[in-house]
């Protein structure tokens, strides 16, 4: 299987560094709309910035996870989120 080392400063290195920072910033869910709205905005910003298949799929996974948290916290399903979508 082929692998690649991401050299510091490359787009890939920046992508995964920012994904890690994004994940840490939303890791502990809060039971309020403001947390979910801000988290979704951060995810959409990340996806828009990198605009790759990887950013799309990581963004969808993070959004689905937040949806699961919101449902488990008693929020109405689908109230806050849509999956990030690519625009043509």
Protein backbone atom coordinates (compact mmCIF):
# COMPACT_ATOMS: atom_id res chain seq x y z
CA UNK A 1 0.00 0.00 0.00
CA UNK A 2 1.35 3.41 -0.93
CA UNK A 3 1.74 6.07 1.71
CA UNK A 4 2.87 9.65 1.80
CA UNK A 5 4.60 11.73 4.44
CA UNK A 6 3.06 15.18 4.60
CA UNK A 7 5.88 17.68 4.82
CA UNK A 8 5.35 20.64 7.12
CA UNK A 9 3.87 23.59 5.26
CA UNK A 10 2.28 21.59 2.43
CA UNK A 11 -1.44 21.84 1.74
CA UNK A 12 -1.96 18.34 3.11
CA UNK A 13 -0.07 19.15 6.32
CA UNK A 14 -2.12 22.34 6.78
CA UNK A 15 -5.34 20.43 6.04
CA UNK A 16 -4.76 17.82 8.75
CA UNK A 17 -3.44 20.37 11.22
CA UNK A 18 -6.58 22.45 10.77
CA UNK A 19 -8.81 19.36 10.93
CA UNK A 20 -7.18 18.47 14.25
CA UNK A 21 -7.71 22.02 15.58
CA UNK A 22 -11.33 22.00 14.38
CA UNK A 23 -11.98 18.66 16.05
CA UNK A 24 -10.52 19.89 19.33
CA UNK A 25 -12.60 23.09 19.21
CA UNK A 26 -15.91 21.21 18.98
CA UNK A 27 -14.98 18.03 20.88
CA UNK A 28 -17.05 18.66 24.02
CA UNK A 29 -20.67 19.17 22.99
CA UNK A 30 -22.80 21.74 24.75
CA UNK A 31 -26.55 21.48 25.08
CA UNK A 32 -27.49 24.73 23.34
CA UNK A 33 -28.23 26.00 19.86
CA UNK A 34 -25.34 28.49 19.84
CA UNK A 35 -22.74 25.72 20.23
CA UNK A 36 -24.22 23.71 17.35
CA UNK A 37 -24.62 26.72 15.07
CA UNK A 38 -21.02 27.87 15.67
CA UNK A 39 -19.69 24.32 15.26
CA UNK A 40 -21.53 23.86 11.97
CA UNK A 41 -20.22 27.22 10.72
CA UNK A 42 -16.63 26.12 11.53
CA UNK A 43 -17.16 22.84 9.69
CA UNK A 44 -18.59 24.56 6.62
CA UNK A 45 -15.72 27.06 6.62
CA UNK A 46 -13.19 24.21 6.73
CA UNK A 47 -14.89 22.39 3.84
CA UNK A 48 -15.14 25.56 1.76
CA UNK A 49 -11.49 26.47 2.40
CA UNK A 50 -10.06 23.15 1.21
CA UNK A 51 -12.82 22.15 -1.24
CA UNK A 52 -11.58 18.58 -1.74
CA UNK A 53 -13.27 15.18 -1.54
CA UNK A 54 -11.44 14.66 1.77
CA UNK A 55 -12.70 17.93 3.26
CA UNK A 56 -16.23 17.09 2.13
CA UNK A 57 -16.22 13.64 3.72
CA UNK A 58 -14.58 14.75 6.97
CA UNK A 59 -17.10 17.61 7.15
CA UNK A 60 -20.02 15.26 6.63
CA UNK A 61 -18.69 12.91 9.33
CA UNK A 62 -18.29 15.77 11.82
CA UNK A 63 -21.77 17.09 10.99
CA UNK A 64 -23.36 13.66 11.43
CA UNK A 65 -21.61 13.28 14.77
CA UNK A 66 -22.94 16.66 15.91
CA UNK A 67 -26.42 15.63 14.78
CA UNK A 68 -26.14 12.49 16.90
CA UNK A 69 -25.11 14.61 19.89
CA UNK A 70 -27.99 17.02 19.31
CA UNK A 71 -30.53 14.20 19.11
CA UNK A 72 -29.13 12.56 22.25
CA UNK A 73 -29.23 15.93 24.02
CA UNK A 74 -32.92 16.31 23.25
CA UNK A 75 -32.75 18.66 20.28
CA UNK A 76 -35.26 18.09 17.52
CA UNK A 77 -33.80 15.93 14.75
CA UNK A 78 -32.82 17.93 11.68
CA UNK A 79 -33.50 21.23 13.43
CA UNK A 80 -30.04 22.68 13.03
CA UNK A 81 -28.07 20.71 10.45
CA UNK A 82 -27.71 19.85 6.88
CA UNK A 83 -24.71 18.02 5.55
CA UNK A 84 -22.18 20.36 3.95
CA UNK A 85 -22.77 20.35 0.23
CA UNK A 86 -20.52 21.15 -2.71
CA UNK A 87 -21.64 24.00 -4.90
CA UNK A 88 -20.96 23.86 -8.62
